[in-house]
């Protein structure tokens, strides 16, 4: 703690200035999105552009939900369902498999881990056509199962949890729990999972953001009857006319769940980072 305090005290004002400038530049696009969402199309095109929020937010949001072609409300609900199910599944299976690869001894462990790491080296685009043909063959084309089931397990998540568990969990702790009569799954649930919680929060946040922002695969297998929020956003703009106030209002609404998830997991993420900094 003392060493960390000394390093913080010696940080120069130029470093703080660079951090403040970087923070402002990073947040300005988000602020500008909310400003445009509260303006009309005529004001958006003014020179210089407006920098303060206006009073057209309610009208823009109303037109977003009234747009039958985009079905934005339906897409919002579908994305919440898809992202939540995929995130919970990835976190559960990744922590479970990471614990097994890090602390359990079984035949073929290193070979299986090598196969999982190898899946991370295959570009996602190479699997789109075979996966699409499989979805058509089993009749899942146009349904939410097609964007949920193929992504319930993540090779990156398993590898990440394996590395974290190998460093954070001692073999003596696992053996002590086993001597007390705990089964393997109870050791995972009551001992391992609380220790993995900071890393699991980071993995959950990354998975939710990736699933929420995914566009190519939902565009390939879904249709206008079962859109995700990204498909609904794409349907708000046409080749002949784009209502930018409506598009930015919808984009702002689509950003709110991501901000909510970040706030929900933020304490765990910062706690994990601070824990690692103190250990170092």
Protein backbone atom coordinates (compact mmCIF):
# COMPACT_ATOMS: atom_id res chain seq x y z
CA UNK A 1 0.00 0.00 0.00
CA UNK A 2 2.81 2.38 0.90
CA UNK A 3 4.69 1.76 -2.35
CA UNK A 4 1.48 2.33 -4.31
CA UNK A 5 0.86 5.59 -2.43
CA UNK A 6 4.38 6.79 -3.16
CA UNK A 7 4.01 6.05 -6.88
CA UNK A 8 0.68 7.94 -6.91
CA UNK A 9 2.24 10.93 -5.07
CA UNK A 10 5.10 11.17 -7.57
CA UNK A 11 2.84 11.26 -10.61
CA UNK A 12 3.54 14.51 -12.43
CA UNK A 13 0.86 17.13 -13.31
CA UNK A 14 1.57 16.45 -17.00
CA UNK A 15 0.40 12.86 -16.49
CA UNK A 16 -2.85 14.05 -14.91
CA UNK A 17 -3.32 16.54 -17.75
CA UNK A 18 -2.80 13.80 -20.35
CA UNK A 19 -5.29 11.55 -18.52
CA UNK A 20 -7.88 14.34 -18.38
CA UNK A 21 -7.44 15.13 -22.10
CA UNK A 22 -7.70 11.45 -22.99
CA UNK A 23 -10.81 11.08 -20.84
CA UNK A 24 -12.48 14.10 -22.48
CA UNK A 25 -11.64 12.87 -26.01
CA UNK A 26 -12.99 9.41 -25.17
CA UNK A 27 -16.25 10.65 -23.67
CA UNK A 28 -17.01 13.39 -26.22
CA UNK A 29 -18.43 11.02 -28.92
CA UNK A 30 -20.85 9.59 -26.33
CA UNK A 31 -21.83 13.10 -25.20
CA UNK A 32 -22.26 14.19 -28.83
CA UNK A 33 -24.50 11.18 -29.48
CA UNK A 34 -26.84 12.21 -26.65
CA UNK A 35 -26.79 15.85 -27.85
CA UNK A 36 -27.85 14.87 -31.37
CA UNK A 37 -30.51 12.56 -29.92
CA UNK A 38 -32.15 15.60 -28.31
CA UNK A 39 -32.11 17.77 -31.47
CA UNK A 40 -34.04 17.94 -34.73
CA UNK A 41 -32.53 17.25 -38.15
CA UNK A 42 -32.54 20.93 -39.10
CA UNK A 43 -30.48 21.94 -36.05
CA UNK A 44 -28.05 19.02 -36.45
CA UNK A 45 -26.93 20.35 -39.83
CA UNK A 46 -26.22 23.87 -38.52
CA UNK A 47 -22.71 25.35 -38.73
CA UNK A 48 -21.29 25.45 -36.08
CA UNK A 49 -23.06 22.36 -34.76
CA UNK A 50 -24.92 22.55 -31.43
CA UNK A 51 -22.96 21.45 -28.36
CA UNK A 52 -25.75 21.55 -25.78
CA UNK A 53 -28.80 19.22 -25.48
CA UNK A 54 -32.11 20.35 -26.96
CA UNK A 55 -35.73 19.55 -26.23
CA UNK A 56 -36.64 17.05 -28.97
CA UNK A 57 -35.63 13.87 -27.11
CA UNK A 58 -39.18 12.69 -26.38
CA UNK A 59 -40.27 13.24 -30.00
CA UNK A 60 -37.22 11.39 -31.38
CA UNK A 61 -37.66 8.46 -28.98
CA UNK A 62 -41.37 8.27 -29.82
CA UNK A 63 -40.61 8.06 -33.56
CA UNK A 64 -38.03 5.32 -32.89
CA UNK A 65 -40.56 3.07 -31.15
CA UNK A 66 -43.28 3.98 -33.68
CA UNK A 67 -41.16 2.86 -36.64
CA UNK A 68 -42.82 -0.44 -37.60
CA UNK A 69 -40.13 -1.25 -40.18
CA UNK A 70 -37.33 -1.28 -37.56
CA UNK A 71 -39.29 -2.97 -34.70
CA UNK A 72 -36.85 -1.37 -32.25
CA UNK A 73 -38.60 -2.47 -29.03
CA UNK A 74 -38.67 -6.07 -30.25
CA UNK A 75 -34.99 -5.89 -31.19
CA UNK A 76 -34.11 -4.41 -27.79
CA UNK A 77 -35.82 -7.27 -25.95
CA UNK A 78 -34.25 -9.90 -28.21
CA UNK A 79 -30.77 -8.47 -27.65
CA UNK A 80 -31.29 -8.42 -23.88
CA UNK A 81 -32.34 -12.09 -23.94
CA UNK A 82 -29.53 -13.20 -26.28
CA UNK A 83 -26.77 -11.23 -24.51
CA UNK A 84 -27.88 -12.26 -21.00
CA UNK A 85 -28.13 -15.98 -21.83
CA UNK A 86 -24.80 -16.04 -23.69
CA UNK A 87 -23.03 -14.07 -20.94
CA UNK A 88 -24.29 -16.27 -18.08
CA UNK A 89 -23.43 -19.42 -20.01
CA UNK A 90 -19.93 -18.26 -20.98
CA UNK A 91 -19.11 -17.17 -17.43
CA UNK A 92 -20.39 -20.43 -15.92
CA UNK A 93 -18.68 -22.82 -18.33
CA UNK A 94 -15.47 -20.76 -18.48
CA UNK A 95 -15.01 -20.63 -14.70
CA UNK A 96 -15.90 -24.33 -14.38
CA UNK A 97 -13.54 -25.42 -17.17
CA UNK A 98 -10.83 -22.99 -16.05
CA UNK A 99 -10.91 -24.51 -12.55
CA UNK A 100 -10.73 -28.03 -14.00
CA UNK A 101 -7.78 -27.26 -16.28
CA UNK A 102 -5.90 -25.39 -13.54
CA UNK A 103 -6.43 -27.57 -10.46
CA UNK A 104 -7.70 -31.03 -11.45
CA UNK A 105 -5.57 -33.84 -12.79
CA UNK A 106 -7.09 -35.97 -15.57
CA UNK A 107 -5.92 -37.76 -18.68
CA UNK A 108 -5.57 -35.60 -21.81
CA UNK A 109 -5.74 -32.31 -19.91
CA UNK A 110 -2.91 -30.60 -21.78
CA UNK A 111 -4.13 -31.89 -25.16
CA UNK A 112 -7.67 -30.61 -24.57
CA UNK A 113 -6.35 -27.22 -23.45
CA UNK A 114 -4.22 -27.04 -26.60
CA UNK A 115 -7.30 -27.71 -28.75
CA UNK A 116 -9.24 -24.95 -26.96
CA UNK A 117 -6.38 -22.48 -27.43
CA UNK A 118 -6.20 -23.54 -31.09
CA UNK A 119 -9.84 -22.54 -31.64
CA UNK A 120 -8.86 -18.96 -30.77
CA UNK A 121 -6.52 -18.87 -33.78
CA UNK A 122 -9.27 -19.63 -36.33
CA UNK A 123 -10.84 -16.41 -37.74
CA UNK A 124 -14.54 -16.16 -37.00
CA UNK A 125 -15.29 -15.38 -40.65
CA UNK A 126 -14.07 -18.85 -41.72
CA UNK A 127 -16.83 -20.51 -39.71
CA UNK A 128 -19.74 -18.42 -40.92
CA UNK A 129 -20.66 -20.46 -44.01
CA UNK A 130 -20.45 -23.94 -42.39
CA UNK A 131 -22.35 -22.65 -39.36
CA UNK A 132 -25.01 -21.07 -41.56
CA UNK A 133 -25.46 -24.33 -43.49
CA UNK A 134 -25.81 -26.19 -40.17
CA UNK A 135 -28.45 -23.74 -38.91
CA UNK A 136 -30.45 -24.15 -42.13
CA UNK A 137 -30.19 -27.95 -41.95
CA UNK A 138 -31.49 -28.20 -38.38
CA UNK A 139 -34.20 -25.59 -38.98
CA UNK A 140 -32.92 -22.86 -36.65
CA UNK A 141 -32.52 -20.23 -39.39
CA UNK A 142 -34.55 -17.15 -38.41
CA UNK A 143 -34.77 -18.09 -34.72
CA UNK A 144 -32.94 -16.80 -31.65
CA UNK A 145 -31.41 -20.24 -31.03
CA UNK A 146 -29.16 -19.59 -34.02
CA UNK A 147 -27.52 -16.60 -32.29
CA UNK A 148 -27.44 -18.16 -28.80
CA UNK A 149 -26.43 -21.82 -28.95
CA UNK A 150 -23.20 -21.51 -31.06
CA UNK A 151 -21.79 -18.97 -28.58
CA UNK A 152 -22.63 -20.57 -25.22
CA UNK A 153 -18.97 -21.55 -24.69
CA UNK A 154 -15.92 -19.38 -25.36
CA UNK A 155 -12.38 -20.69 -25.88
CA UNK A 156 -10.99 -17.31 -24.85
CA UNK A 157 -13.05 -17.41 -21.65
CA UNK A 158 -11.82 -20.90 -20.71
CA UNK A 159 -8.19 -19.91 -21.32
CA UNK A 160 -8.59 -16.66 -19.37
CA UNK A 161 -10.16 -18.39 -16.36
CA UNK A 162 -7.56 -21.17 -16.45
CA UNK A 163 -4.72 -18.65 -16.24
CA UNK A 164 -6.42 -16.69 -13.44
CA UNK A 165 -7.29 -19.80 -11.43
CA UNK A 166 -3.74 -21.17 -11.70
CA UNK A 167 -2.39 -17.99 -10.09
CA UNK A 168 -5.16 -17.11 -7.61
CA UNK A 169 -6.07 -20.55 -6.15
CA UNK A 170 -3.54 -22.61 -4.23
CA UNK A 171 -3.49 -26.39 -4.38
CA UNK A 172 -3.51 -26.50 -0.57
CA UNK A 173 -6.86 -24.67 -0.49
CA UNK A 174 -8.44 -27.20 -2.87
CA UNK A 175 -7.01 -30.13 -0.92
CA UNK A 176 -8.23 -28.66 2.39
CA UNK A 177 -11.76 -28.37 1.00
CA UNK A 178 -11.58 -31.93 -0.27
CA UNK A 179 -10.41 -33.19 3.16
CA UNK A 180 -13.45 -31.44 4.68
CA UNK A 181 -15.66 -33.64 2.52
CA UNK A 182 -16.55 -31.25 -0.32
CA UNK A 183 -17.32 -32.72 -3.72
CA UNK A 184 -15.57 -31.32 -6.79
CA UNK A 185 -18.58 -29.23 -7.83
CA UNK A 186 -19.04 -27.92 -4.27
CA UNK A 187 -15.36 -26.89 -4.19
CA UNK A 188 -15.98 -25.01 -7.44
CA UNK A 189 -19.18 -23.35 -6.22
CA UNK A 190 -18.23 -22.46 -2.62
CA UNK A 191 -14.45 -21.98 -2.83
CA UNK A 192 -13.29 -21.36 -6.40
CA UNK A 193 -16.09 -19.20 -7.81
CA UNK A 194 -15.84 -16.44 -5.14
CA UNK A 195 -12.09 -16.18 -5.79
CA UNK A 196 -12.65 -16.00 -9.57
CA UNK A 197 -15.33 -13.31 -9.23
CA UNK A 198 -13.20 -10.29 -10.37
CA UNK A 199 -11.99 -12.10 -13.50
CA UNK A 200 -15.49 -13.48 -14.12
CA UNK A 201 -16.88 -9.92 -13.96
CA UNK A 202 -14.40 -8.77 -16.61
CA UNK A 203 -15.23 -11.76 -18.81
CA UNK A 204 -18.95 -11.16 -18.35
CA UNK A 205 -18.63 -7.51 -19.33
CA UNK A 206 -16.56 -8.31 -22.43
CA UNK A 207 -18.94 -11.10 -23.48
CA UNK A 208 -22.06 -8.97 -23.01
CA UNK A 209 -20.57 -6.10 -25.01
CA UNK A 210 -19.42 -8.40 -27.82
CA UNK A 211 -22.78 -10.19 -28.05
CA UNK A 212 -24.74 -6.93 -27.84
CA UNK A 213 -22.71 -5.30 -30.63
CA UNK A 214 -22.60 -8.37 -32.91
CA UNK A 215 -24.05 -7.58 -36.33
CA UNK A 216 -22.71 -9.92 -39.07
CA UNK A 217 -23.96 -13.26 -37.71
CA UNK A 218 -27.44 -11.99 -36.66
CA UNK A 219 -27.73 -10.29 -40.07
CA UNK A 220 -26.97 -13.65 -41.76
CA UNK A 221 -29.41 -15.87 -39.83
CA UNK A 222 -32.17 -13.56 -38.54
CA UNK A 223 -34.84 -11.64 -40.40
CA UNK A 224 -37.13 -8.66 -39.82
CA UNK A 225 -39.46 -10.80 -37.67
CA UNK A 226 -36.75 -11.60 -35.09
CA UNK A 227 -34.27 -8.70 -35.15
CA UNK A 228 -31.62 -7.84 -32.60
CA UNK A 229 -31.05 -4.23 -31.65
CA UNK A 230 -28.18 -3.85 -34.14
CA UNK A 231 -30.42 -5.05 -36.99
CA UNK A 232 -33.14 -2.64 -35.89
CA UNK A 233 -30.62 0.23 -35.95
CA UNK A 234 -29.60 -0.68 -39.50
CA UNK A 235 -33.25 -0.68 -40.57
CA UNK A 236 -33.75 2.92 -39.37
CA UNK A 237 -31.64 4.26 -42.25
CA UNK A 238 -32.64 3.86 -45.89
CA UNK A 239 -30.76 4.40 -49.16
CA UNK A 240 -32.72 7.59 -49.92
CA UNK A 241 -33.18 9.31 -46.56
CA UNK A 242 -31.71 9.09 -43.07
CA UNK A 243 -33.35 10.69 -40.05
CA UNK A 244 -30.19 11.27 -38.04
CA UNK A 245 -32.03 12.51 -34.95
CA UNK A 246 -34.05 9.27 -34.89
CA UNK A 247 -30.95 7.12 -35.53
CA UNK A 248 -28.95 8.81 -32.77
CA UNK A 249 -31.87 8.58 -30.34
CA UNK A 250 -32.08 4.84 -31.04
CA UNK A 251 -28.31 4.50 -30.66
CA UNK A 252 -28.45 6.28 -27.31
CA UNK A 253 -31.19 3.91 -26.15
CA UNK A 254 -29.13 0.93 -27.33
CA UNK A 255 -26.14 2.22 -25.34
CA UNK A 256 -28.00 2.45 -22.01
CA UNK A 257 -27.96 -1.35 -21.29
CA UNK A 258 -24.19 -1.40 -21.86
CA UNK A 259 -23.72 1.46 -19.39
CA UNK A 260 -25.95 -0.33 -16.88
CA UNK A 261 -23.90 -3.54 -17.17
CA UNK A 262 -20.66 -1.60 -16.79
CA UNK A 263 -21.96 0.10 -13.63
CA UNK A 264 -23.16 -3.27 -12.30
CA UNK A 265 -19.81 -5.00 -12.84
CA UNK A 266 -17.65 -1.87 -12.35
CA UNK A 267 -17.00 -2.44 -8.65
CA UNK A 268 -15.87 -6.02 -9.27
CA UNK A 269 -13.60 -4.95 -12.16
CA UNK A 270 -11.96 -2.11 -10.20
CA UNK A 271 -11.65 -4.38 -7.16
CA UNK A 272 -9.85 -6.99 -9.23
CA UNK A 273 -7.50 -4.40 -10.74
CA UNK A 274 -6.70 -2.90 -7.33
CA UNK A 275 -6.14 -6.36 -5.86
CA UNK A 276 -3.65 -7.17 -8.61
CA UNK A 277 -1.89 -3.80 -8.15
CA UNK A 278 -1.49 -4.34 -4.39
CA UNK A 279 -0.16 -7.87 -4.90
CA UNK A 280 2.38 -6.61 -7.42
